[in-house]
Amino acid sequence: MLDIVNIKVLVLLFMFVITLVASLLPLAFVKRIRNTTDANRRSTYEMVLSSLSCFAGGVFMGTCILDLFPDTQEAIDKLLQHYPPSMRAFPVAEFIVVFGFLFVMTIEQIVLWHKEQALLCSTETARLLEEGPCTDQSRHESLRREYSLEGVTDRPDLTGSMRSTGSAVVNYRATANTSTDLSDGI
């Protein structure tokens, strides 16, 4: 017969193994997502990973609402008993929880924004190495040049192309600038 200490050690080891497997499972799905070329299988892996992420968020939220928040509310109510009733009317525990959530969410959004800007800057810098450092002004200028309508006109281009005797279209400017015989390639 196992005594209570041995049972606790076995349960502790079992919980450690289950937690380790559950925490490494998303890494296996991310690896499979990266190595999969089949769109249907990739979509399935992404859905499973998203479901696991939602389940983990639900576990944290349930732990917070059902266990941590009532304990916090009880401790703050005990602390506020020493103050006059007018100061006890404000929901301090709820305010702390909401403020903490909004603070963490704000920090996360700031970090994601900076990460996105660094990614945009690095891809643009790789594409536009000769233009110097990536700044908001250089990014604005490169986007303006890329999507510019400069040179666009509503007049037809009569010298753009002409039909040869074959089915291929020969560029008039290319034939004027080169001295090679194009009839061999047609």
C-alpha atoms as a PDB file:
ATOM      1  CA  MET A   1       0.000   0.000   0.000  1.00  0.00           C
ATOM      2  CA  LEU A   2       1.256   3.466  -0.904  1.00  0.00           C
ATOM      3  CA  ASP A   3       1.415   6.084   1.797  1.00  0.00           C
ATOM      4  CA  ILE A   4       0.281   9.667   1.233  1.00  0.00           C
ATOM      5  CA  VAL A   5       3.777  11.010   0.478  1.00  0.00           C
ATOM      6  CA  ASN A   6       4.347   8.493  -2.325  1.00  0.00           C
ATOM      7  CA  ILE A   7       0.919   9.251  -3.796  1.00  0.00           C
ATOM      8  CA  LYS A   8       1.682  12.996  -3.745  1.00  0.00           C
ATOM      9  CA  VAL A   9       5.021  12.425  -5.486  1.00  0.00           C
ATOM     10  CA  LEU A  10       3.372  10.262  -8.166  1.00  0.00           C
ATOM     11  CA  VAL A  11       0.623  12.819  -8.754  1.00  0.00           C
ATOM     12  CA  LEU A  12       3.227  15.598  -8.898  1.00  0.00           C
ATOM     13  CA  LEU A  13       5.272  13.713 -11.513  1.00  0.00           C
ATOM     14  CA  PHE A  14       2.135  12.855 -13.507  1.00  0.00           C
ATOM     15  CA  MET A  15       1.040  16.516 -13.495  1.00  0.00           C
ATOM     16  CA  PHE A  16       4.537  17.579 -14.592  1.00  0.00           C
ATOM     17  CA  VAL A  17       4.524  15.170 -17.543  1.00  0.00           C
ATOM     18  CA  ILE A  18       1.007  16.205 -18.603  1.00  0.00           C
ATOM     19  CA  THR A  19       1.936  19.895 -18.355  1.00  0.00           C
ATOM     20  CA  LEU A  20       5.162  19.352 -20.316  1.00  0.00           C
ATOM     21  CA  VAL A  21       3.372  17.479 -23.112  1.00  0.00           C
ATOM     22  CA  ALA A  22       0.570  20.062 -23.264  1.00  0.00           C
ATOM     23  CA  SER A  23       3.059  22.948 -23.430  1.00  0.00           C
ATOM     24  CA  LEU A  24       5.144  21.310 -26.199  1.00  0.00           C
ATOM     25  CA  LEU A  25       2.112  20.362 -28.304  1.00  0.00           C
ATOM     26  CA  PRO A  26       1.723  23.832 -29.901  1.00  0.00           C
ATOM     27  CA  LEU A  27       5.389  23.737 -30.945  1.00  0.00           C
ATOM     28  CA  ALA A  28       4.725  20.509 -32.835  1.00  0.00           C
ATOM     29  CA  PHE A  29       1.753  22.109 -34.610  1.00  0.00           C
ATOM     30  CA  VAL A  30       3.779  25.209 -35.530  1.00  0.00           C
ATOM     31  CA  LYS A  31       6.518  22.985 -36.960  1.00  0.00           C
ATOM     32  CA  ARG A  32       3.946  21.050 -39.002  1.00  0.00           C
ATOM     33  CA  ILE A  33       2.331  24.274 -40.218  1.00  0.00           C
ATOM     34  CA  ARG A  34       5.685  25.567 -41.450  1.00  0.00           C
ATOM     35  CA  ASN A  35       6.588  22.297 -43.197  1.00  0.00           C
ATOM     36  CA  THR A  36       3.190  21.660 -44.820  1.00  0.00           C
ATOM     37  CA  THR A  37       2.573  22.709 -48.392  1.00  0.00           C
ATOM     38  CA  ASP A  38      -0.970  21.291 -48.642  1.00  0.00           C
ATOM     39  CA  ALA A  39      -3.428  24.137 -48.041  1.00  0.00           C
ATOM     40  CA  ASN A  40      -6.153  21.925 -46.537  1.00  0.00           C
ATOM     41  CA  ARG A  41      -3.795  20.262 -44.086  1.00  0.00           C
ATOM     42  CA  ARG A  42      -2.245  23.639 -43.181  1.00  0.00           C
ATOM     43  CA  SER A  43      -5.725  25.034 -42.520  1.00  0.00           C
ATOM     44  CA  THR A  44      -6.520  22.054 -40.285  1.00  0.00           C
ATOM     45  CA  TYR A  45      -3.305  22.510 -38.282  1.00  0.00           C
ATOM     46  CA  GLU A  46      -3.959  26.236 -37.920  1.00  0.00           C
ATOM     47  CA  MET A  47      -7.518  25.537 -36.710  1.00  0.00           C
ATOM     48  CA  VAL A  48      -6.263  23.020 -34.121  1.00  0.00           C
ATOM     49  CA  LEU A  49      -3.598  25.472 -32.930  1.00  0.00           C
ATOM     50  CA  SER A  50      -6.169  28.264 -32.704  1.00  0.00           C
ATOM     51  CA  SER A  51      -8.535  25.992 -30.749  1.00  0.00           C
ATOM     52  CA  LEU A  52      -5.754  25.055 -28.327  1.00  0.00           C
ATOM     53  CA  SER A  53      -4.934  28.737 -27.883  1.00  0.00           C
ATOM     54  CA  CYS A  54      -8.585  29.560 -27.183  1.00  0.00           C
ATOM     55  CA  PHE A  55      -8.788  26.683 -24.701  1.00  0.00           C
ATOM     56  CA  ALA A  56      -5.678  27.952 -22.881  1.00  0.00           C
ATOM     57  CA  GLY A  57      -7.141  31.469 -22.771  1.00  0.00           C
ATOM     58  CA  GLY A  58     -10.364  30.045 -21.344  1.00  0.00           C
ATOM     59  CA  VAL A  59      -8.445  28.165 -18.665  1.00  0.00           C
ATOM     60  CA  PHE A  60      -6.645  31.357 -17.603  1.00  0.00           C
ATOM     61  CA  MET A  61      -9.865  33.375 -17.700  1.00  0.00           C
ATOM     62  CA  GLY A  62     -11.778  30.748 -15.710  1.00  0.00           C
ATOM     63  CA  THR A  63      -8.995  30.566 -13.130  1.00  0.00           C
ATOM     64  CA  CYS A  64      -9.041  34.341 -12.812  1.00  0.00           C
ATOM     65  CA  ILE A  65     -12.816  34.752 -12.566  1.00  0.00           C
ATOM     66  CA  LEU A  66     -13.620  31.709 -10.450  1.00  0.00           C
ATOM     67  CA  ASP A  67     -10.617  31.561  -8.129  1.00  0.00           C
ATOM     68  CA  LEU A  68      -8.285  34.557  -8.096  1.00  0.00           C
ATOM     69  CA  PHE A  69     -10.791  37.381  -8.427  1.00  0.00           C
ATOM     70  CA  PRO A  70     -13.038  36.322  -5.486  1.00  0.00           C
ATOM     71  CA  ASP A  71      -9.962  35.924  -3.268  1.00  0.00           C
ATOM     72  CA  THR A  72      -8.732  39.378  -4.308  1.00  0.00           C
ATOM     73  CA  GLN A  73     -12.160  40.890  -3.740  1.00  0.00           C
ATOM     74  CA  GLU A  74     -12.361  39.327  -0.267  1.00  0.00           C
ATOM     75  CA  ALA A  75      -8.886  40.563   0.699  1.00  0.00           C
ATOM     76  CA  ILE A  76      -9.612  44.120  -0.505  1.00  0.00           C
ATOM     77  CA  ASP A  77     -12.983  44.155   1.276  1.00  0.00           C
ATOM     78  CA  LYS A  78     -11.228  43.179   4.532  1.00  0.00           C
ATOM     79  CA  LEU A  79      -8.718  45.977   3.960  1.00  0.00           C
ATOM     80  CA  LEU A  80     -11.421  48.554   3.193  1.00  0.00           C
ATOM     81  CA  GLN A  81     -13.364  47.769   6.396  1.00  0.00           C
ATOM     82  CA  HIS A  82     -11.002  50.147   8.191  1.00  0.00           C
ATOM     83  CA  TYR A  83     -12.133  53.059   6.004  1.00  0.00           C
ATOM     84  CA  PRO A  84     -15.399  55.029   6.125  1.00  0.00           C
ATOM     85  CA  PRO A  85     -18.391  53.636   4.167  1.00  0.00           C
ATOM     86  CA  SER A  86     -18.163  56.398   1.562  1.00  0.00           C
ATOM     87  CA  MET A  87     -14.752  55.065   0.463  1.00  0.00           C
ATOM     88  CA  ARG A  88     -15.993  51.469   0.362  1.00  0.00           C
ATOM     89  CA  ALA A  89     -18.594  52.237  -2.321  1.00  0.00           C
ATOM     90  CA  PHE A  90     -16.001  52.257  -5.114  1.00  0.00           C
ATOM     91  CA  PRO A  91     -15.351  48.769  -6.646  1.00  0.00           C
ATOM     92  CA  VAL A  92     -11.607  48.705  -6.008  1.00  0.00           C
ATOM     93  CA  ALA A  93     -11.032  45.020  -6.814  1.00  0.00           C
ATOM     94  CA  GLU A  94     -12.863  45.289 -10.116  1.00  0.00           C
ATOM     95  CA  PHE A  95     -10.968  48.471 -10.981  1.00  0.00           C
ATOM     96  CA  ILE A  96      -7.612  46.805 -10.272  1.00  0.00           C
ATOM     97  CA  VAL A  97      -8.484  43.799 -12.440  1.00  0.00           C
ATOM     98  CA  VAL A  98      -9.728  45.915 -15.364  1.00  0.00           C
ATOM     99  CA  PHE A  99      -6.799  48.331 -15.080  1.00  0.00           C
ATOM    100  CA  GLY A 100      -4.330  45.423 -15.035  1.00  0.00           C
ATOM    101  CA  PHE A 101      -5.964  43.863 -18.088  1.00  0.00           C
ATOM    102  CA  LEU A 102      -5.942  47.145 -20.016  1.00  0.00           C
ATOM    103  CA  PHE A 103      -2.343  47.839 -18.980  1.00  0.00           C
ATOM    104  CA  VAL A 104      -1.137  44.441 -20.214  1.00  0.00           C
ATOM    105  CA  MET A 105      -3.164  44.796 -23.430  1.00  0.00           C
ATOM    106  CA  THR A 106      -1.705  48.270 -24.055  1.00  0.00           C
ATOM    107  CA  ILE A 107       1.855  47.035 -23.545  1.00  0.00           C
ATOM    108  CA  GLU A 108       1.165  44.098 -25.887  1.00  0.00           C
ATOM    109  CA  GLN A 109      -0.225  46.375 -28.602  1.00  0.00           C
ATOM    110  CA  ILE A 110       2.768  48.721 -28.335  1.00  0.00           C
ATOM    111  CA  VAL A 111       5.197  45.799 -28.649  1.00  0.00           C
ATOM    112  CA  LEU A 112       3.287  44.366 -31.629  1.00  0.00           C
ATOM    113  CA  TRP A 113       3.231  47.774 -33.333  1.00  0.00           C
ATOM    114  CA  HIS A 114       7.000  48.184 -32.892  1.00  0.00           C
ATOM    115  CA  LYS A 115       7.576  44.644 -34.132  1.00  0.00           C
ATOM    116  CA  GLU A 116       5.432  45.329 -37.213  1.00  0.00           C
ATOM    117  CA  GLN A 117       7.282  48.570 -37.916  1.00  0.00           C
ATOM    118  CA  ALA A 118      10.634  46.789 -37.612  1.00  0.00           C
ATOM    119  CA  LEU A 119       9.425  44.091 -40.000  1.00  0.00           C
ATOM    120  CA  LEU A 120       8.196  46.664 -42.517  1.00  0.00           C
ATOM    121  CA  CYS A 121      11.428  48.592 -42.202  1.00  0.00           C
ATOM    122  CA  SER A 122      13.585  45.493 -42.658  1.00  0.00           C
ATOM    123  CA  THR A 123      11.730  44.313 -45.772  1.00  0.00           C
ATOM    124  CA  GLU A 124      11.805  47.798 -47.212  1.00  0.00           C
ATOM    125  CA  THR A 125      15.478  48.197 -46.369  1.00  0.00           C
ATOM    126  CA  ALA A 126      16.249  44.925 -48.101  1.00  0.00           C
ATOM    127  CA  ARG A 127      14.366  46.129 -51.167  1.00  0.00           C
ATOM    128  CA  LEU A 128      15.709  49.682 -51.187  1.00  0.00           C
ATOM    129  CA  LEU A 129      19.270  49.353 -49.920  1.00  0.00           C
ATOM    130  CA  GLU A 130      20.616  52.244 -51.937  1.00  0.00           C
ATOM    131  CA  GLU A 131      18.248  54.797 -50.430  1.00  0.00           C
ATOM    132  CA  GLY A 132      19.814  54.911 -46.975  1.00  0.00           C
ATOM    133  CA  PRO A 133      18.273  54.246 -43.572  1.00  0.00           C
ATOM    134  CA  CYS A 134      14.627  53.323 -43.254  1.00  0.00           C
ATOM    135  CA  THR A 135      12.734  56.288 -41.882  1.00  0.00           C
ATOM    136  CA  ASP A 136       9.138  57.330 -42.127  1.00  0.00           C
ATOM    137  CA  GLN A 137      10.118  59.827 -44.841  1.00  0.00           C
ATOM    138  CA  SER A 138      11.976  57.226 -46.931  1.00  0.00           C
ATOM    139  CA  ARG A 139       9.108  54.767 -46.523  1.00  0.00           C
ATOM    140  CA  HIS A 140       6.647  57.449 -47.606  1.00  0.00           C
ATOM    141  CA  GLU A 141       8.770  58.386 -50.633  1.00  0.00           C
ATOM    142  CA  SER A 142       9.255  54.789 -51.765  1.00  0.00           C
ATOM    143  CA  LEU A 143       5.531  54.060 -51.462  1.00  0.00           C
ATOM    144  CA  ARG A 144       4.733  57.272 -53.356  1.00  0.00           C
ATOM    145  CA  ARG A 145       7.078  56.273 -56.184  1.00  0.00           C
ATOM    146  CA  GLU A 146       5.779  52.716 -56.255  1.00  0.00           C
ATOM    147  CA  TYR A 147       2.119  53.729 -56.505  1.00  0.00           C
ATOM    148  CA  SER A 148       2.619  56.946 -58.441  1.00  0.00           C
ATOM    149  CA  LEU A 149       0.614  57.688 -61.577  1.00  0.00           C
ATOM    150  CA  GLU A 150       3.532  59.596 -63.098  1.00  0.00           C
ATOM    151  CA  GLY A 151       3.703  59.053 -66.837  1.00  0.00           C
ATOM    152  CA  VAL A 152       0.124  57.793 -67.053  1.00  0.00           C
ATOM    153  CA  THR A 153      -1.846  59.560 -69.751  1.00  0.00           C
ATOM    154  CA  ASP A 154      -5.167  59.086 -71.465  1.00  0.00           C
ATOM    155  CA  ARG A 155      -3.635  59.450 -74.938  1.00  0.00           C
ATOM    156  CA  PRO A 156      -3.151  56.197 -76.882  1.00  0.00           C
ATOM    157  CA  ASP A 157       0.393  54.987 -77.432  1.00  0.00           C
ATOM    158  CA  LEU A 158       0.608  54.657 -81.215  1.00  0.00           C
ATOM    159  CA  THR A 159       4.282  53.679 -81.278  1.00  0.00           C
ATOM    160  CA  GLY A 160       4.029  51.014 -78.591  1.00  0.00           C
ATOM    161  CA  SER A 161       3.710  47.929 -80.744  1.00  0.00           C
ATOM    162  CA  MET A 162       2.913  46.771 -84.209  1.00  0.00           C
ATOM    163  CA  ARG A 163       1.959  43.418 -85.624  1.00  0.00           C
ATOM    164  CA  SER A 164       4.486  41.561 -87.652  1.00  0.00           C
ATOM    165  CA  THR A 165       3.613  38.985 -90.283  1.00  0.00           C
ATOM    166  CA  GLY A 166       3.588  36.265 -87.617  1.00  0.00           C
ATOM    167  CA  SER A 167       1.510  36.042 -84.477  1.00  0.00           C
ATOM    168  CA  ALA A 168       4.154  37.607 -82.235  1.00  0.00           C
ATOM    169  CA  VAL A 169       4.017  41.260 -81.292  1.00  0.00           C
ATOM    170  CA  VAL A 170       7.270  43.115 -81.911  1.00  0.00           C
ATOM    171  CA  ASN A 171       8.072  46.228 -79.934  1.00  0.00           C
ATOM    172  CA  TYR A 172       8.778  49.080 -82.379  1.00  0.00           C
ATOM    173  CA  ARG A 173      11.228  50.821 -80.033  1.00  0.00           C
ATOM    174  CA  ALA A 174      13.218  47.619 -79.530  1.00  0.00           C
ATOM    175  CA  THR A 175      13.570  47.106 -83.291  1.00  0.00           C
ATOM    176  CA  ALA A 176      14.636  50.699 -83.799  1.00  0.00           C
ATOM    177  CA  ASN A 177      17.354  50.496 -81.117  1.00  0.00           C
ATOM    178  CA  THR A 178      18.816  47.123 -82.097  1.00  0.00           C
ATOM    179  CA  SER A 179      20.415  46.059 -85.338  1.00  0.00           C
ATOM    180  CA  THR A 180      19.638  42.345 -85.013  1.00  0.00           C
ATOM    181  CA  ASP A 181      17.347  40.573 -87.388  1.00  0.00           C
ATOM    182  CA  LEU A 182      14.135  39.650 -85.558  1.00  0.00           C
ATOM    183  CA  SER A 183      12.807  37.475 -88.325  1.00  0.00           C
ATOM    184  CA  ASP A 184      14.916  34.532 -87.088  1.00  0.00           C
ATOM    185  CA  GLY A 185      13.052  34.366 -83.766  1.00  0.00           C
ATOM    186  CA  ILE A 186       9.542  34.615 -85.220  1.00  0.00           C
END
